[in-house]
Amino acid sequence: MDDSLTVFWGDWLDLRVRIPQVAASGLVSPLIYILAFGLGLGSSLDRVTQPTVGETYLEFILPGMVALSSMVISFGGTTFSICGDRLFTKTFEEMLLYPVHPLALHLGKMMAGIVRGMMTAASVILVAVLFTGKLWSFINPLFLGLLVLNCAVFAGLGVIVGLNVKSLESVGLFNNFLIVPMSFLGGTFFDPATLPPVLKGIVYLLPLTYTTIGLRAAAYQPLSEFPWYSFPILLAVAIALAYVGAYQFSHQQD
């Protein structure tokens, strides 16, 4: 654990001078979605239907916006950080010489990604509280616990992608074919339980889906209706990615 904190501390020294930039970097897309879907489309939907969770469609999508922003920044920030070290500053080779276990290298980079994601999520949570006035809905332990796990999953994925891509253009491909589709298919704008069986099977393969439905339940539903399976599923994915990342670090040839 000490080795992981050492690796994390190296990233934190760079990250702490850019806290406002990191906190705001993932806020633009959620704000656009909130204005276009929550206030625009949502005002029309609220006149004809009632969302399955929350009092309005805006409330329905706000937990998904938190999940979405944390995913994008945890993944993107971690990927670009490792790519920058590998492809441009050429400092990545020095880190590979550290006398630490490969798993500690992965965990250190993953923790930095979690911090990035939580910073941006905090900005979106502030917006959500301002729109709804429901502070406890967005800062209760279940909500924050799932949020940390979501950041861990996508930071872990960002580590693996960052170790394997050969150029920044390759990062864009992963973003376009993995992160962007998941943004719209991960239950952010709809209730996965209402989908046909075939589509439901696809949507429930995505880790973001479990974060979104879990955050939504943590924010608005009683404890008896909370989808407890979200925690072990996200934890299992994070652990699996950690072992893949450790393997990648142990065989990295940079």
Protein backbone atom coordinates (compact mmCIF):
# COMPACT_ATOMS: atom_id res chain seq x y z
CA MET A 1 0.00 0.00 0.00
CA ASP A 2 2.87 2.37 0.79
CA ASP A 3 4.27 1.79 -2.71
CA SER A 4 0.90 2.62 -4.27
CA LEU A 5 0.73 5.84 -2.25
CA THR A 6 4.21 6.76 -3.45
CA VAL A 7 3.16 6.37 -7.09
CA PHE A 8 -0.06 8.27 -6.38
CA TRP A 9 1.83 11.07 -4.65
CA GLY A 10 3.89 11.68 -7.77
CA ASP A 11 0.69 12.25 -9.76
CA TRP A 12 -0.90 14.27 -6.97
CA LEU A 13 1.95 16.79 -6.97
CA ASP A 14 1.10 17.57 -10.58
CA LEU A 15 -2.65 17.30 -10.07
CA ARG A 16 -3.00 19.62 -7.08
CA VAL A 17 -1.92 22.71 -9.06
CA ARG A 18 -4.71 22.03 -11.59
CA ILE A 19 -7.61 21.32 -9.25
CA PRO A 20 -9.97 23.99 -10.71
CA GLN A 21 -9.16 22.87 -14.26
CA VAL A 22 -9.74 19.19 -13.43
CA ALA A 23 -12.92 19.90 -11.48
CA ALA A 24 -14.38 21.90 -14.37
CA SER A 25 -13.09 19.82 -17.29
CA GLY A 26 -15.87 17.25 -17.14
CA LEU A 27 -18.64 19.72 -16.34
CA VAL A 28 -19.38 21.01 -19.86
CA SER A 29 -21.02 17.88 -21.31
CA PRO A 30 -23.22 17.20 -18.24
CA LEU A 31 -24.38 20.82 -18.24
CA ILE A 32 -25.31 20.57 -21.93
CA TYR A 33 -27.19 17.33 -21.30
CA ILE A 34 -28.95 18.84 -18.28
CA LEU A 35 -30.07 21.87 -20.29
CA ALA A 36 -31.00 19.96 -23.46
CA PHE A 37 -32.52 16.81 -21.98
CA GLY A 38 -33.37 17.65 -18.38
CA LEU A 39 -34.86 21.09 -18.94
CA GLY A 40 -35.65 20.99 -22.66
CA LEU A 41 -36.94 17.50 -23.41
CA GLY A 42 -37.75 16.88 -19.75
CA SER A 43 -40.27 19.72 -19.55
CA SER A 44 -42.27 18.07 -22.34
CA LEU A 45 -41.96 14.55 -20.92
CA ASP A 46 -43.08 15.64 -17.46
CA ARG A 47 -46.41 16.79 -18.91
CA VAL A 48 -47.24 13.34 -20.29
CA THR A 49 -45.45 10.81 -18.09
CA GLN A 50 -43.89 10.25 -14.69
CA PRO A 51 -40.28 8.99 -14.44
CA THR A 52 -39.76 5.65 -12.71
CA VAL A 53 -37.46 7.31 -10.16
CA GLY A 54 -37.48 10.94 -9.05
CA GLU A 55 -40.20 13.55 -9.32
CA THR A 56 -39.16 14.96 -12.71
CA TYR A 57 -37.12 13.82 -15.70
CA LEU A 58 -34.41 16.29 -14.67
CA GLU A 59 -34.13 14.59 -11.28
CA PHE A 60 -34.12 11.23 -13.06
CA ILE A 61 -31.04 12.01 -15.17
CA LEU A 62 -28.99 13.94 -12.59
CA PRO A 63 -27.46 10.85 -10.89
CA GLY A 64 -26.57 9.60 -14.35
CA MET A 65 -24.85 12.90 -15.09
CA VAL A 66 -22.69 12.40 -12.00
CA ALA A 67 -21.83 8.86 -13.13
CA LEU A 68 -21.14 10.05 -16.67
CA SER A 69 -18.80 12.87 -15.67
CA SER A 70 -16.83 10.67 -13.28
CA MET A 71 -16.45 8.01 -15.98
CA VAL A 72 -15.21 10.41 -18.64
CA ILE A 73 -12.62 12.14 -16.46
CA SER A 74 -11.41 9.03 -14.62
CA PHE A 75 -10.83 7.28 -17.93
CA GLY A 76 -9.62 10.21 -20.01
CA GLY A 77 -7.44 11.83 -17.37
CA THR A 78 -5.69 8.56 -16.51
CA THR A 79 -5.19 7.58 -20.15
CA PHE A 80 -3.75 10.92 -21.21
CA SER A 81 -1.54 11.11 -18.11
CA ILE A 82 0.09 7.77 -18.90
CA CYS A 83 0.26 8.53 -22.62
CA GLY A 84 1.96 11.84 -21.92
CA ASP A 85 4.58 10.13 -19.76
CA ARG A 86 5.12 7.35 -22.32
CA LEU A 87 4.99 9.19 -25.61
CA PHE A 88 6.08 12.77 -24.93
CA THR A 89 7.96 13.50 -21.70
CA LYS A 90 9.55 10.02 -21.75
CA THR A 91 9.46 9.85 -17.94
CA PHE A 92 7.48 6.63 -17.90
CA GLU A 93 10.62 4.50 -18.19
CA GLU A 94 11.85 5.90 -14.89
CA MET A 95 8.67 4.77 -13.13
CA LEU A 96 9.09 1.25 -14.50
CA LEU A 97 12.45 1.12 -12.71
CA TYR A 98 10.83 1.72 -9.31
CA PRO A 99 11.48 -1.22 -6.95
CA VAL A 100 7.75 -1.74 -6.41
CA HIS A 101 5.27 -4.47 -7.34
CA PRO A 102 3.46 -3.95 -10.69
CA LEU A 103 0.13 -4.04 -8.85
CA ALA A 104 1.28 -1.07 -6.75
CA LEU A 105 2.04 0.84 -9.96
CA HIS A 106 -1.46 0.15 -11.25
CA LEU A 107 -3.14 1.04 -7.94
CA GLY A 108 -1.16 4.27 -7.64
CA LYS A 109 -2.21 5.40 -11.12
CA MET A 110 -5.76 4.22 -10.48
CA MET A 111 -6.00 6.25 -7.24
CA ALA A 112 -4.94 9.35 -9.13
CA GLY A 113 -7.72 8.64 -11.63
CA ILE A 114 -10.22 8.23 -8.80
CA VAL A 115 -9.26 11.64 -7.43
CA ARG A 116 -9.68 13.21 -10.88
CA GLY A 117 -13.10 11.64 -11.29
CA MET A 118 -14.28 12.64 -7.82
CA MET A 119 -13.20 16.24 -8.36
CA THR A 120 -15.32 16.53 -11.48
CA ALA A 121 -18.19 14.58 -9.92
CA ALA A 122 -18.18 17.05 -7.03
CA SER A 123 -18.82 19.87 -9.51
CA VAL A 124 -21.76 18.03 -11.05
CA ILE A 125 -23.11 17.14 -7.60
CA LEU A 126 -23.06 20.85 -6.74
CA VAL A 127 -25.11 21.55 -9.88
CA ALA A 128 -27.51 18.72 -9.00
CA VAL A 129 -28.02 20.07 -5.48
CA LEU A 130 -28.67 23.57 -6.85
CA PHE A 131 -31.30 22.22 -9.26
CA THR A 132 -33.05 19.91 -6.77
CA GLY A 133 -32.25 21.31 -3.31
CA LYS A 134 -31.68 17.72 -2.13
CA LEU A 135 -28.23 17.79 -0.53
CA TRP A 136 -28.36 14.45 1.31
CA SER A 137 -29.54 12.64 -1.83
CA PHE A 138 -26.17 13.27 -3.48
CA ILE A 139 -23.74 13.00 -0.57
CA ASN A 140 -25.01 9.98 1.35
CA PRO A 141 -22.57 7.05 1.93
CA LEU A 142 -24.20 4.73 -0.63
CA PHE A 143 -24.06 7.38 -3.33
CA LEU A 144 -20.43 8.29 -2.64
CA GLY A 145 -19.34 4.65 -2.26
CA LEU A 146 -20.73 3.72 -5.67
CA LEU A 147 -19.18 6.83 -7.16
CA VAL A 148 -15.70 5.87 -5.90
CA LEU A 149 -16.12 2.36 -7.33
CA ASN A 150 -17.20 3.82 -10.68
CA CYS A 151 -14.09 6.00 -10.75
CA ALA A 152 -11.96 2.98 -9.84
CA VAL A 153 -13.38 0.93 -12.72
CA PHE A 154 -12.81 3.55 -15.38
CA ALA A 155 -9.48 4.75 -13.99
CA GLY A 156 -8.37 1.10 -14.09
CA LEU A 157 -9.54 0.86 -17.69
CA GLY A 158 -7.71 4.11 -18.43
CA VAL A 159 -4.48 2.65 -17.06
CA ILE A 160 -4.74 -0.36 -19.37
CA VAL A 161 -5.56 1.74 -22.43
CA GLY A 162 -2.79 4.22 -21.59
CA LEU A 163 -0.25 1.39 -21.42
CA ASN A 164 -1.24 -0.02 -24.80
CA VAL A 165 -1.99 2.85 -27.17
CA LYS A 166 0.69 4.00 -29.57
CA SER A 167 -0.57 7.54 -30.21
CA LEU A 168 -3.11 10.11 -29.06
CA GLU A 169 -5.21 9.25 -32.12
CA SER A 170 -5.61 5.76 -30.70
CA VAL A 171 -6.96 7.26 -27.47
CA GLY A 172 -9.60 9.04 -29.54
CA LEU A 173 -10.67 5.72 -31.06
CA PHE A 174 -11.16 4.15 -27.64
CA ASN A 175 -13.11 7.19 -26.53
CA ASN A 176 -15.35 7.18 -29.61
CA PHE A 177 -16.06 3.45 -29.66
CA LEU A 178 -16.15 2.74 -25.92
CA ILE A 179 -16.79 5.78 -23.73
CA VAL A 180 -19.19 7.74 -25.95
CA PRO A 181 -21.51 4.76 -26.65
CA MET A 182 -21.49 3.87 -22.96
CA SER A 183 -22.48 7.44 -22.13
CA PHE A 184 -25.77 6.97 -23.96
CA LEU A 185 -26.35 3.25 -23.37
CA GLY A 186 -25.42 3.11 -19.67
CA GLY A 187 -28.88 3.95 -18.38
CA THR A 188 -28.16 7.67 -18.06
CA PHE A 189 -31.23 8.84 -19.98
CA PHE A 190 -33.57 5.87 -19.53
CA ASP A 191 -34.51 3.12 -17.13
CA PRO A 192 -32.80 -0.12 -18.27
CA ALA A 193 -35.56 -2.19 -16.64
CA THR A 194 -38.05 -0.93 -19.26
CA LEU A 195 -36.04 -2.17 -22.26
CA PRO A 196 -36.82 -5.27 -24.36
CA PRO A 197 -34.88 -8.39 -23.24
CA VAL A 198 -32.32 -8.26 -26.07
CA LEU A 199 -31.40 -4.61 -25.47
CA LYS A 200 -31.52 -5.13 -21.72
CA GLY A 201 -28.90 -7.87 -22.06
CA ILE A 202 -26.56 -5.48 -23.86
CA VAL A 203 -27.10 -2.57 -21.48
CA TYR A 204 -26.48 -4.70 -18.39
CA LEU A 205 -23.08 -5.72 -19.75
CA LEU A 206 -21.89 -2.14 -19.24
CA PRO A 207 -20.43 -1.22 -15.82
CA LEU A 208 -21.80 2.32 -16.09
CA THR A 209 -25.33 0.87 -16.02
CA TYR A 210 -24.83 -0.49 -12.51
CA THR A 211 -23.42 2.83 -11.33
CA THR A 212 -26.30 4.80 -12.80
CA ILE A 213 -29.11 2.66 -11.40
CA GLY A 214 -27.32 2.45 -8.06
CA LEU A 215 -26.80 6.22 -7.80
CA ARG A 216 -30.40 6.82 -8.81
CA ALA A 217 -31.64 4.47 -6.10
CA ALA A 218 -29.26 5.93 -3.51
CA ALA A 219 -30.50 9.42 -4.29
CA TYR A 220 -34.26 8.90 -4.40
CA GLN A 221 -35.38 5.44 -3.29
CA PRO A 222 -35.71 3.85 0.16
CA LEU A 223 -32.93 1.57 1.37
CA SER A 224 -35.12 -1.52 0.89
CA GLU A 225 -35.16 -0.89 -2.89
CA PHE A 226 -31.43 -0.29 -3.30
CA PRO A 227 -29.77 -2.60 -5.90
CA TRP A 228 -27.09 -4.05 -3.63
CA TYR A 229 -25.70 -6.16 -6.47
CA SER A 230 -24.18 -2.98 -7.94
CA PHE A 231 -21.41 -2.96 -5.34
CA PRO A 232 -20.02 -6.50 -5.87
CA ILE A 233 -20.30 -6.20 -9.67
CA LEU A 234 -18.36 -2.93 -9.82
CA LEU A 235 -15.85 -4.18 -7.26
CA ALA A 236 -15.30 -7.39 -9.26
CA VAL A 237 -14.72 -5.39 -12.45
CA ALA A 238 -12.26 -3.05 -10.67
CA ILE A 239 -10.32 -6.02 -9.24
CA ALA A 240 -10.19 -7.76 -12.63
CA LEU A 241 -8.89 -4.58 -14.27
CA ALA A 242 -6.31 -4.20 -11.50
CA TYR A 243 -4.84 -7.61 -12.22
CA VAL A 244 -4.82 -6.95 -15.96
CA GLY A 245 -3.14 -3.61 -15.31
CA ALA A 246 -0.54 -5.21 -13.04
CA TYR A 247 0.21 -7.78 -15.74
CA GLN A 248 0.60 -4.99 -18.29
CA PHE A 249 3.00 -3.10 -16.03
CA SER A 250 5.09 -6.23 -15.43
CA HIS A 251 5.43 -6.81 -19.18
CA GLN A 252 5.69 -3.19 -20.35
CA GLN A 253 8.51 -2.65 -22.83
CA ASP A 254 8.71 1.18 -22.89
